[in-house]
Amino acid sequence: MNRLYRYARHNRVARLLVGTLVIFFLYQGVTGEQQGTLEQPQRWIPTAHAKLIVSQLTEQPTDKLIKLARTDHIALLKWALDNYQDRIQDYRLTFLKQERINGKLKRTEKIAVKFKQAPYSVLMEWQKNPGAIDKLLYVEGANDEKMVVHPTGLWSFIKSVKRDPRVAEVRRSSRGTCDQFGFYRTMKNLLAMYELAQEQGDLQIRYLGETEVHGRPCVAMERLLPPKEQYPYGRLVMEFDKEYLLPIAITCYDWQDKLLSQYKFTQVRFNTGLTTAAFTPSANKL
């Protein structure tokens, strides 16, 4: 009986040890997956040697996004543009913008944005660090093809004024213009620069791994261009939201790796039912 008792006791101890080890390794596996480290950046790929990835029917959007981020940013942008056209009519978001103007890095601006794809309509209201204006409305085909703005400072008593979106004073205060704002036109402009660089044999790309932008899981990629007159900057980093399949962070550097601009799009809500009436001067006290 003593022998049987000792055997049963040892057996229980052995089972307890085995169970503890199983739980330990399962825990390590789960936490290791949750705390996975960022991949090492992929080597630079001259696009002449980049292999085009053809999507399979079973391929998930995130899988395709990562594959194209590794190998073919032009195909990625074309895919994202098609995807946008199929499903997005309007959106609301918070736009964070920081730019270097005349050699000086400005403070980050925080802007509430309403956007409608057709007709192309954008309303911006500055919530933090406005410049010469704190509200902007632009609708293609309306208001004499001009943006309607509310000035700040000494002229803030004026209800609104109309300005050409590409007038020199706009160029002096911002690196972009309101008639090129938005996911679709931003990606179109990026695609044009990618295709120009590829045609010139200058395009180099690199996959940076998986990142987060304000809590949103993203895939990061990088483009490098030589110092030539036709290129506005040397290095571009795009972070594509895995769910939206859109670039929600774009950062640009010069050839000395000095920050030129950073744009982030947060708190995005798609297809909120914005109407044309929401983009009139009277509806926005302009």
C-alpha atoms as a PDB file:
ATOM      1  CA  MET A   1       0.000   0.000   0.000  1.00  0.00           C
ATOM      2  CA  ASN A   2       2.811   2.431   0.846  1.00  0.00           C
ATOM      3  CA  ARG A   3       4.383   1.661  -2.506  1.00  0.00           C
ATOM      4  CA  LEU A   4       1.102   2.353  -4.322  1.00  0.00           C
ATOM      5  CA  TYR A   5       0.637   5.559  -2.346  1.00  0.00           C
ATOM      6  CA  ARG A   6       4.127   6.756  -3.222  1.00  0.00           C
ATOM      7  CA  TYR A   7       3.554   5.876  -6.908  1.00  0.00           C
ATOM      8  CA  ALA A   8       0.244   7.766  -7.032  1.00  0.00           C
ATOM      9  CA  ARG A   9       1.807  10.741  -5.294  1.00  0.00           C
ATOM     10  CA  HIS A  10       4.733  10.848  -7.732  1.00  0.00           C
ATOM     11  CA  ASN A  11       2.285  10.504 -10.628  1.00  0.00           C
ATOM     12  CA  ARG A  12       0.268  13.500  -9.402  1.00  0.00           C
ATOM     13  CA  VAL A  13       3.466  15.564  -9.045  1.00  0.00           C
ATOM     14  CA  ALA A  14       4.557  14.588 -12.540  1.00  0.00           C
ATOM     15  CA  ARG A  15       1.180  15.578 -13.996  1.00  0.00           C
ATOM     16  CA  LEU A  16       1.306  18.883 -12.133  1.00  0.00           C
ATOM     17  CA  LEU A  17       4.796  19.648 -13.495  1.00  0.00           C
ATOM     18  CA  VAL A  18       3.791  18.733 -17.044  1.00  0.00           C
ATOM     19  CA  GLY A  19       0.634  20.852 -16.789  1.00  0.00           C
ATOM     20  CA  THR A  20       2.630  23.807 -15.483  1.00  0.00           C
ATOM     21  CA  LEU A  21       5.119  23.521 -18.355  1.00  0.00           C
ATOM     22  CA  VAL A  22       2.315  23.322 -20.946  1.00  0.00           C
ATOM     23  CA  ILE A  23       0.631  26.435 -19.514  1.00  0.00           C
ATOM     24  CA  PHE A  24       4.001  28.238 -19.425  1.00  0.00           C
ATOM     25  CA  PHE A  25       4.800  27.539 -23.086  1.00  0.00           C
ATOM     26  CA  LEU A  26       1.264  28.371 -24.206  1.00  0.00           C
ATOM     27  CA  TYR A  27       1.506  31.690 -22.346  1.00  0.00           C
ATOM     28  CA  GLN A  28       4.877  32.409 -23.910  1.00  0.00           C
ATOM     29  CA  GLY A  29       3.438  31.710 -27.346  1.00  0.00           C
ATOM     30  CA  VAL A  30       0.467  34.035 -26.850  1.00  0.00           C
ATOM     31  CA  THR A  31       2.413  36.904 -25.306  1.00  0.00           C
ATOM     32  CA  GLY A  32       5.204  36.504 -27.841  1.00  0.00           C
ATOM     33  CA  GLU A  33       2.681  36.954 -30.651  1.00  0.00           C
ATOM     34  CA  GLN A  34       1.080  39.961 -28.995  1.00  0.00           C
ATOM     35  CA  GLN A  35       4.432  41.610 -28.313  1.00  0.00           C
ATOM     36  CA  GLY A  36       6.036  40.745 -31.660  1.00  0.00           C
ATOM     37  CA  THR A  37       8.861  43.062 -32.674  1.00  0.00           C
ATOM     38  CA  LEU A  38       8.984  45.156 -35.845  1.00  0.00           C
ATOM     39  CA  GLU A  39      10.562  43.399 -38.777  1.00  0.00           C
ATOM     40  CA  GLN A  40      14.008  44.458 -39.884  1.00  0.00           C
ATOM     41  CA  PRO A  41      13.710  46.832 -42.868  1.00  0.00           C
ATOM     42  CA  GLN A  42      13.933  45.066 -46.190  1.00  0.00           C
ATOM     43  CA  ARG A  43      16.879  45.928 -48.426  1.00  0.00           C
ATOM     44  CA  TRP A  44      16.390  48.601 -51.067  1.00  0.00           C
ATOM     45  CA  ILE A  45      14.732  47.225 -54.211  1.00  0.00           C
ATOM     46  CA  PRO A  46      15.422  48.868 -57.580  1.00  0.00           C
ATOM     47  CA  THR A  47      11.961  48.720 -59.143  1.00  0.00           C
ATOM     48  CA  ALA A  48      13.286  47.412 -62.444  1.00  0.00           C
ATOM     49  CA  HIS A  49      13.860  44.118 -60.618  1.00  0.00           C
ATOM     50  CA  ALA A  50      10.750  44.194 -58.435  1.00  0.00           C
ATOM     51  CA  LYS A  51       8.375  41.306 -59.086  1.00  0.00           C
ATOM     52  CA  LEU A  52       4.715  42.223 -59.587  1.00  0.00           C
ATOM     53  CA  ILE A  53       2.518  40.331 -57.138  1.00  0.00           C
ATOM     54  CA  VAL A  54      -0.695  39.007 -58.695  1.00  0.00           C
ATOM     55  CA  SER A  55      -3.493  38.753 -56.133  1.00  0.00           C
ATOM     56  CA  GLN A  56      -4.992  35.295 -55.635  1.00  0.00           C
ATOM     57  CA  LEU A  57      -8.666  34.831 -54.877  1.00  0.00           C
ATOM     58  CA  THR A  58      -7.800  33.521 -51.411  1.00  0.00           C
ATOM     59  CA  GLU A  59      -5.456  36.396 -50.599  1.00  0.00           C
ATOM     60  CA  GLN A  60      -6.518  38.631 -47.720  1.00  0.00           C
ATOM     61  CA  PRO A  61      -6.301  42.453 -48.108  1.00  0.00           C
ATOM     62  CA  THR A  62      -3.622  42.755 -45.408  1.00  0.00           C
ATOM     63  CA  ASP A  63      -1.533  40.027 -47.059  1.00  0.00           C
ATOM     64  CA  LYS A  64      -1.745  41.798 -50.402  1.00  0.00           C
ATOM     65  CA  LEU A  65      -0.922  45.147 -48.781  1.00  0.00           C
ATOM     66  CA  ILE A  66       2.245  43.739 -47.200  1.00  0.00           C
ATOM     67  CA  LYS A  67       3.331  41.988 -50.403  1.00  0.00           C
ATOM     68  CA  LEU A  68       2.963  45.136 -52.480  1.00  0.00           C
ATOM     69  CA  ALA A  69       4.606  47.268 -49.772  1.00  0.00           C
ATOM     70  CA  ARG A  70       7.610  44.956 -50.113  1.00  0.00           C
ATOM     71  CA  THR A  71       7.769  44.832 -53.900  1.00  0.00           C
ATOM     72  CA  ASP A  72       5.634  47.282 -55.893  1.00  0.00           C
ATOM     73  CA  HIS A  73       4.384  50.592 -54.509  1.00  0.00           C
ATOM     74  CA  ILE A  74       2.977  51.629 -57.893  1.00  0.00           C
ATOM     75  CA  ALA A  75       0.701  48.590 -57.985  1.00  0.00           C
ATOM     76  CA  LEU A  76      -0.223  49.268 -54.349  1.00  0.00           C
ATOM     77  CA  LEU A  77      -1.293  52.848 -55.085  1.00  0.00           C
ATOM     78  CA  LYS A  78      -3.320  51.772 -58.131  1.00  0.00           C
ATOM     79  CA  TRP A  79      -5.065  49.094 -56.064  1.00  0.00           C
ATOM     80  CA  ALA A  80      -5.773  51.593 -53.253  1.00  0.00           C
ATOM     81  CA  LEU A  81      -7.193  54.115 -55.735  1.00  0.00           C
ATOM     82  CA  ASP A  82      -9.540  51.510 -57.232  1.00  0.00           C
ATOM     83  CA  ASN A  83     -10.605  50.422 -53.768  1.00  0.00           C
ATOM     84  CA  TYR A  84     -11.301  54.036 -52.757  1.00  0.00           C
ATOM     85  CA  GLN A  85     -13.457  54.690 -55.831  1.00  0.00           C
ATOM     86  CA  ASP A  86     -15.546  51.608 -55.148  1.00  0.00           C
ATOM     87  CA  ARG A  87     -16.502  52.415 -51.565  1.00  0.00           C
ATOM     88  CA  ILE A  88     -15.937  56.012 -50.366  1.00  0.00           C
ATOM     89  CA  GLN A  89     -18.196  58.998 -50.990  1.00  0.00           C
ATOM     90  CA  ASP A  90     -17.334  61.288 -48.061  1.00  0.00           C
ATOM     91  CA  TYR A  91     -15.537  61.397 -44.734  1.00  0.00           C
ATOM     92  CA  ARG A  92     -14.851  63.421 -41.614  1.00  0.00           C
ATOM     93  CA  LEU A  93     -11.448  63.389 -39.907  1.00  0.00           C
ATOM     94  CA  THR A  94      -8.881  65.256 -37.864  1.00  0.00           C
ATOM     95  CA  PHE A  95      -5.905  66.412 -39.932  1.00  0.00           C
ATOM     96  CA  LEU A  96      -2.543  66.935 -38.216  1.00  0.00           C
ATOM     97  CA  LYS A  97      -0.140  68.944 -40.343  1.00  0.00           C
ATOM     98  CA  GLN A  98       3.444  70.051 -39.735  1.00  0.00           C
ATOM     99  CA  GLU A  99       5.519  71.692 -42.466  1.00  0.00           C
ATOM    100  CA  ARG A 100       8.842  73.423 -42.974  1.00  0.00           C
ATOM    101  CA  ILE A 101       8.215  76.755 -44.712  1.00  0.00           C
ATOM    102  CA  ASN A 102      11.110  78.980 -45.800  1.00  0.00           C
ATOM    103  CA  GLY A 103      13.503  76.852 -43.779  1.00  0.00           C
ATOM    104  CA  LYS A 104      11.494  77.069 -40.537  1.00  0.00           C
ATOM    105  CA  LEU A 105       9.613  74.099 -39.087  1.00  0.00           C
ATOM    106  CA  LYS A 106       6.150  75.298 -38.079  1.00  0.00           C
ATOM    107  CA  ARG A 107       4.109  74.056 -35.142  1.00  0.00           C
ATOM    108  CA  THR A 108       1.731  71.164 -35.734  1.00  0.00           C
ATOM    109  CA  GLU A 109      -1.684  72.363 -36.867  1.00  0.00           C
ATOM    110  CA  LYS A 110      -4.827  70.494 -35.858  1.00  0.00           C
ATOM    111  CA  ILE A 111      -7.691  70.796 -38.328  1.00  0.00           C
ATOM    112  CA  ALA A 112     -11.222  69.357 -38.337  1.00  0.00           C
ATOM    113  CA  VAL A 113     -12.087  68.319 -41.900  1.00  0.00           C
ATOM    114  CA  LYS A 114     -15.282  67.475 -43.763  1.00  0.00           C
ATOM    115  CA  PHE A 115     -14.803  66.101 -47.267  1.00  0.00           C
ATOM    116  CA  LYS A 116     -17.146  65.069 -50.080  1.00  0.00           C
ATOM    117  CA  GLN A 117     -15.856  63.344 -53.190  1.00  0.00           C
ATOM    118  CA  ALA A 118     -18.446  64.585 -55.719  1.00  0.00           C
ATOM    119  CA  PRO A 119     -18.624  67.410 -56.243  1.00  0.00           C
ATOM    120  CA  TYR A 120     -15.128  67.818 -54.814  1.00  0.00           C
ATOM    121  CA  SER A 121     -15.784  69.687 -51.542  1.00  0.00           C
ATOM    122  CA  VAL A 122     -13.580  70.362 -48.539  1.00  0.00           C
ATOM    123  CA  LEU A 123     -14.211  72.274 -45.321  1.00  0.00           C
ATOM    124  CA  MET A 124     -11.345  72.884 -42.877  1.00  0.00           C
ATOM    125  CA  GLU A 125     -11.685  74.412 -39.406  1.00  0.00           C
ATOM    126  CA  TRP A 126      -8.482  74.965 -37.418  1.00  0.00           C
ATOM    127  CA  GLN A 127      -8.611  73.737 -33.826  1.00  0.00           C
ATOM    128  CA  LYS A 128      -4.966  74.418 -32.949  1.00  0.00           C
ATOM    129  CA  ASN A 129      -2.191  76.685 -34.296  1.00  0.00           C
ATOM    130  CA  PRO A 130      -3.973  78.411 -37.201  1.00  0.00           C
ATOM    131  CA  GLY A 131      -1.967  80.620 -39.503  1.00  0.00           C
ATOM    132  CA  ALA A 132      -3.425  83.445 -41.582  1.00  0.00           C
ATOM    133  CA  ILE A 133      -6.850  81.738 -41.672  1.00  0.00           C
ATOM    134  CA  ASP A 134      -8.861  79.546 -39.306  1.00  0.00           C
ATOM    135  CA  LYS A 135     -11.608  78.310 -41.639  1.00  0.00           C
ATOM    136  CA  LEU A 136     -11.532  77.317 -45.311  1.00  0.00           C
ATOM    137  CA  LEU A 137     -14.213  76.154 -47.726  1.00  0.00           C
ATOM    138  CA  TYR A 138     -13.528  74.986 -51.256  1.00  0.00           C
ATOM    139  CA  VAL A 139     -16.021  73.447 -53.696  1.00  0.00           C
ATOM    140  CA  GLU A 140     -15.106  72.815 -57.317  1.00  0.00           C
ATOM    141  CA  GLY A 141     -17.475  74.652 -59.647  1.00  0.00           C
ATOM    142  CA  ALA A 142     -18.788  76.985 -56.924  1.00  0.00           C
ATOM    143  CA  ASN A 143     -17.860  80.360 -55.382  1.00  0.00           C
ATOM    144  CA  ASP A 144     -16.193  81.525 -58.622  1.00  0.00           C
ATOM    145  CA  GLU A 145     -13.786  78.532 -58.376  1.00  0.00           C
ATOM    146  CA  LYS A 146     -12.214  80.165 -55.329  1.00  0.00           C
ATOM    147  CA  MET A 147     -11.759  79.105 -51.722  1.00  0.00           C
ATOM    148  CA  VAL A 148     -13.764  81.024 -49.125  1.00  0.00           C
ATOM    149  CA  VAL A 149     -11.718  81.708 -45.977  1.00  0.00           C
ATOM    150  CA  HIS A 150     -12.010  83.452 -42.631  1.00  0.00           C
ATOM    151  CA  PRO A 151      -8.848  85.443 -41.781  1.00  0.00           C
ATOM    152  CA  THR A 152      -7.236  85.623 -38.356  1.00  0.00           C
ATOM    153  CA  GLY A 153      -5.431  88.428 -36.530  1.00  0.00           C
ATOM    154  CA  LEU A 154      -6.183  92.043 -37.396  1.00  0.00           C
ATOM    155  CA  TRP A 155      -8.578  90.983 -40.161  1.00  0.00           C
ATOM    156  CA  SER A 156     -10.601  88.514 -38.098  1.00  0.00           C
ATOM    157  CA  PHE A 157     -13.564  90.922 -37.999  1.00  0.00           C
ATOM    158  CA  ILE A 158     -14.087  90.209 -41.718  1.00  0.00           C
ATOM    159  CA  LYS A 159     -16.654  87.460 -42.195  1.00  0.00           C
ATOM    160  CA  SER A 160     -14.918  85.891 -45.203  1.00  0.00           C
ATOM    161  CA  VAL A 161     -12.883  86.584 -48.311  1.00  0.00           C
ATOM    162  CA  LYS A 162     -12.397  84.683 -51.556  1.00  0.00           C
ATOM    163  CA  ARG A 163      -8.956  83.608 -52.724  1.00  0.00           C
ATOM    164  CA  ASP A 164      -7.603  81.569 -55.593  1.00  0.00           C
ATOM    165  CA  PRO A 165      -6.462  78.235 -54.095  1.00  0.00           C
ATOM    166  CA  ARG A 166      -3.088  78.522 -55.825  1.00  0.00           C
ATOM    167  CA  VAL A 167      -2.364  82.191 -55.227  1.00  0.00           C
ATOM    168  CA  ALA A 168       1.204  83.095 -54.191  1.00  0.00           C
ATOM    169  CA  GLU A 169       0.273  83.918 -50.588  1.00  0.00           C
ATOM    170  CA  VAL A 170      -1.051  80.372 -50.157  1.00  0.00           C
ATOM    171  CA  ARG A 171       2.173  78.926 -51.522  1.00  0.00           C
ATOM    172  CA  ARG A 172       4.149  81.006 -49.020  1.00  0.00           C
ATOM    173  CA  SER A 173       2.218  79.621 -46.044  1.00  0.00           C
ATOM    174  CA  SER A 174       1.684  75.974 -47.033  1.00  0.00           C
ATOM    175  CA  ARG A 175       3.398  73.262 -49.059  1.00  0.00           C
ATOM    176  CA  GLY A 176       0.065  72.069 -50.475  1.00  0.00           C
ATOM    177  CA  THR A 177      -3.183  73.548 -51.777  1.00  0.00           C
ATOM    178  CA  CYS A 178      -6.776  72.813 -50.810  1.00  0.00           C
ATOM    179  CA  ASP A 179      -7.715  71.700 -54.339  1.00  0.00           C
ATOM    180  CA  GLN A 180      -5.285  68.771 -53.971  1.00  0.00           C
ATOM    181  CA  PHE A 181      -6.384  67.720 -50.488  1.00  0.00           C
ATOM    182  CA  GLY A 182      -7.834  64.314 -49.721  1.00  0.00           C
ATOM    183  CA  PHE A 183      -6.907  60.659 -49.905  1.00  0.00           C
ATOM    184  CA  TYR A 184      -7.712  60.227 -53.596  1.00  0.00           C
ATOM    185  CA  ARG A 185      -5.854  63.219 -55.036  1.00  0.00           C
ATOM    186  CA  THR A 186      -2.931  62.690 -52.652  1.00  0.00           C
ATOM    187  CA  MET A 187      -2.532  59.121 -53.906  1.00  0.00           C
ATOM    188  CA  LYS A 188      -2.890  60.259 -57.537  1.00  0.00           C
ATOM    189  CA  ASN A 189      -0.083  62.792 -57.043  1.00  0.00           C
ATOM    190  CA  LEU A 190       2.089  60.203 -55.298  1.00  0.00           C
ATOM    191  CA  LEU A 191       1.474  57.738 -58.118  1.00  0.00           C
ATOM    192  CA  ALA A 192       2.493  60.304 -60.744  1.00  0.00           C
ATOM    193  CA  MET A 193       5.797  60.926 -58.940  1.00  0.00           C
ATOM    194  CA  TYR A 194       6.427  57.193 -58.543  1.00  0.00           C
ATOM    195  CA  GLU A 195       5.823  56.613 -62.255  1.00  0.00           C
ATOM    196  CA  LEU A 196       8.070  59.522 -63.250  1.00  0.00           C
ATOM    197  CA  ALA A 197      10.884  58.207 -61.051  1.00  0.00           C
ATOM    198  CA  GLN A 198      10.441  54.688 -62.416  1.00  0.00           C
ATOM    199  CA  GLU A 199      10.568  55.988 -65.990  1.00  0.00           C
ATOM    200  CA  GLN A 200      13.799  57.840 -65.169  1.00  0.00           C
ATOM    201  CA  GLY A 201      15.300  54.741 -63.532  1.00  0.00           C
ATOM    202  CA  ASP A 202      15.573  56.577 -60.201  1.00  0.00           C
ATOM    203  CA  LEU A 203      12.999  54.782 -58.061  1.00  0.00           C
ATOM    204  CA  GLN A 204      14.076  52.805 -55.006  1.00  0.00           C
ATOM    205  CA  ILE A 205      11.662  51.351 -52.471  1.00  0.00           C
ATOM    206  CA  ARG A 206      11.901  49.597 -49.118  1.00  0.00           C
ATOM    207  CA  TYR A 207       9.491  47.862 -46.742  1.00  0.00           C
ATOM    208  CA  LEU A 208       9.795  49.096 -43.149  1.00  0.00           C
ATOM    209  CA  GLY A 209       7.431  46.738 -41.350  1.00  0.00           C
ATOM    210  CA  GLU A 210       4.237  47.063 -39.345  1.00  0.00           C
ATOM    211  CA  THR A 211       3.575  50.217 -37.311  1.00  0.00           C
ATOM    212  CA  GLU A 212       0.780  52.083 -35.541  1.00  0.00           C
ATOM    213  CA  VAL A 213      -0.550  55.581 -36.173  1.00  0.00           C
ATOM    214  CA  HIS A 214      -2.692  56.853 -33.289  1.00  0.00           C
ATOM    215  CA  GLY A 215      -3.582  53.274 -32.407  1.00  0.00           C
ATOM    216  CA  ARG A 216      -4.387  52.204 -35.980  1.00  0.00           C
ATOM    217  CA  PRO A 217      -2.395  49.166 -37.278  1.00  0.00           C
ATOM    218  CA  CYS A 218      -0.449  50.152 -40.383  1.00  0.00           C
ATOM    219  CA  VAL A 219       2.107  48.913 -42.904  1.00  0.00           C
ATOM    220  CA  ALA A 220       5.061  51.276 -43.460  1.00  0.00           C
ATOM    221  CA  MET A 221       7.049  51.684 -46.669  1.00  0.00           C
ATOM    222  CA  GLU A 222       9.737  54.056 -47.889  1.00  0.00           C
ATOM    223  CA  ARG A 223      10.677  55.665 -51.208  1.00  0.00           C
ATOM    224  CA  LEU A 224      14.094  57.126 -51.977  1.00  0.00           C
ATOM    225  CA  LEU A 225      14.828  59.516 -54.881  1.00  0.00           C
ATOM    226  CA  PRO A 226      18.079  61.190 -55.991  1.00  0.00           C
ATOM    227  CA  PRO A 227      18.583  64.978 -55.739  1.00  0.00           C
ATOM    228  CA  LYS A 228      17.155  66.100 -59.075  1.00  0.00           C
ATOM    229  CA  GLU A 229      15.147  69.195 -59.926  1.00  0.00           C
ATOM    230  CA  GLN A 230      11.986  67.257 -60.824  1.00  0.00           C
ATOM    231  CA  TYR A 231      11.753  65.672 -57.376  1.00  0.00           C
ATOM    232  CA  PRO A 232      10.392  67.773 -54.469  1.00  0.00           C
ATOM    233  CA  TYR A 233      12.056  65.692 -51.711  1.00  0.00           C
ATOM    234  CA  GLY A 234      14.463  62.839 -51.230  1.00  0.00           C
ATOM    235  CA  ARG A 235      12.767  60.423 -48.842  1.00  0.00           C
ATOM    236  CA  LEU A 236       9.104  59.591 -48.353  1.00  0.00           C
ATOM    237  CA  VAL A 237       7.597  57.333 -45.673  1.00  0.00           C
ATOM    238  CA  MET A 238       3.992  56.183 -46.124  1.00  0.00           C
ATOM    239  CA  GLU A 239       2.008  54.329 -43.474  1.00  0.00           C
ATOM    240  CA  PHE A 240      -1.029  52.533 -44.909  1.00  0.00           C
ATOM    241  CA  ASP A 241      -3.890  51.658 -42.581  1.00  0.00           C
ATOM    242  CA  LYS A 242      -4.507  47.900 -42.803  1.00  0.00           C
ATOM    243  CA  GLU A 243      -8.281  48.259 -42.651  1.00  0.00           C
ATOM    244  CA  TYR A 244      -8.800  51.495 -44.598  1.00  0.00           C
ATOM    245  CA  LEU A 245      -6.189  50.588 -47.252  1.00  0.00           C
ATOM    246  CA  LEU A 246      -5.273  54.275 -47.301  1.00  0.00           C
ATOM    247  CA  PRO A 247      -2.160  56.267 -46.274  1.00  0.00           C
ATOM    248  CA  ILE A 248      -3.009  57.817 -42.893  1.00  0.00           C
ATOM    249  CA  ALA A 249       0.522  59.142 -42.307  1.00  0.00           C
ATOM    250  CA  ILE A 250       2.901  60.639 -44.889  1.00  0.00           C
ATOM    251  CA  THR A 251       6.305  62.026 -43.893  1.00  0.00           C
ATOM    252  CA  CYS A 252       8.765  63.707 -46.271  1.00  0.00           C
ATOM    253  CA  TYR A 253      12.478  64.523 -45.845  1.00  0.00           C
ATOM    254  CA  ASP A 254      15.020  66.422 -47.914  1.00  0.00           C
ATOM    255  CA  TRP A 255      18.332  64.962 -49.126  1.00  0.00           C
ATOM    256  CA  GLN A 256      20.015  65.853 -45.821  1.00  0.00           C
ATOM    257  CA  ASP A 257      17.239  63.864 -44.080  1.00  0.00           C
ATOM    258  CA  LYS A 258      15.710  67.027 -42.628  1.00  0.00           C
ATOM    259  CA  LEU A 259      11.963  66.868 -42.008  1.00  0.00           C
ATOM    260  CA  LEU A 260      10.004  68.820 -44.626  1.00  0.00           C
ATOM    261  CA  SER A 261       6.447  67.796 -43.833  1.00  0.00           C
ATOM    262  CA  GLN A 262       4.346  65.333 -41.899  1.00  0.00           C
ATOM    263  CA  TYR A 263       0.638  64.706 -42.412  1.00  0.00           C
ATOM    264  CA  LYS A 264      -1.537  62.429 -40.274  1.00  0.00           C
ATOM    265  CA  PHE A 265      -5.217  61.623 -40.623  1.00  0.00           C
ATOM    266  CA  THR A 266      -6.947  60.526 -37.419  1.00  0.00           C
ATOM    267  CA  GLN A 267     -10.492  59.888 -36.151  1.00  0.00           C
ATOM    268  CA  VAL A 268     -11.603  59.031 -39.695  1.00  0.00           C
ATOM    269  CA  ARG A 269     -15.296  58.319 -40.305  1.00  0.00           C
ATOM    270  CA  PHE A 270     -16.316  57.284 -43.810  1.00  0.00           C
ATOM    271  CA  ASN A 271     -19.614  57.739 -45.674  1.00  0.00           C
ATOM    272  CA  THR A 272     -21.313  59.892 -43.056  1.00  0.00           C
ATOM    273  CA  GLY A 273     -23.955  61.179 -45.464  1.00  0.00           C
ATOM    274  CA  LEU A 274     -22.537  64.668 -46.075  1.00  0.00           C
ATOM    275  CA  THR A 275     -24.658  66.599 -48.552  1.00  0.00           C
ATOM    276  CA  THR A 276     -23.885  69.454 -50.924  1.00  0.00           C
ATOM    277  CA  ALA A 277     -25.781  71.766 -48.572  1.00  0.00           C
ATOM    278  CA  ALA A 278     -23.148  71.169 -45.883  1.00  0.00           C
ATOM    279  CA  PHE A 279     -20.539  72.892 -48.081  1.00  0.00           C
ATOM    280  CA  THR A 280     -22.075  76.305 -48.663  1.00  0.00           C
ATOM    281  CA  PRO A 281     -20.667  79.554 -47.182  1.00  0.00           C
ATOM    282  CA  SER A 282     -23.927  80.286 -45.334  1.00  0.00           C
ATOM    283  CA  ALA A 283     -24.021  76.823 -43.731  1.00  0.00           C
ATOM    284  CA  ASN A 284     -20.531  77.456 -42.357  1.00  0.00           C
ATOM    285  CA  LYS A 285     -20.929  81.128 -41.363  1.00  0.00           C
ATOM    286  CA  LEU A 286     -18.651  82.342 -44.126  1.00  0.00           C
END
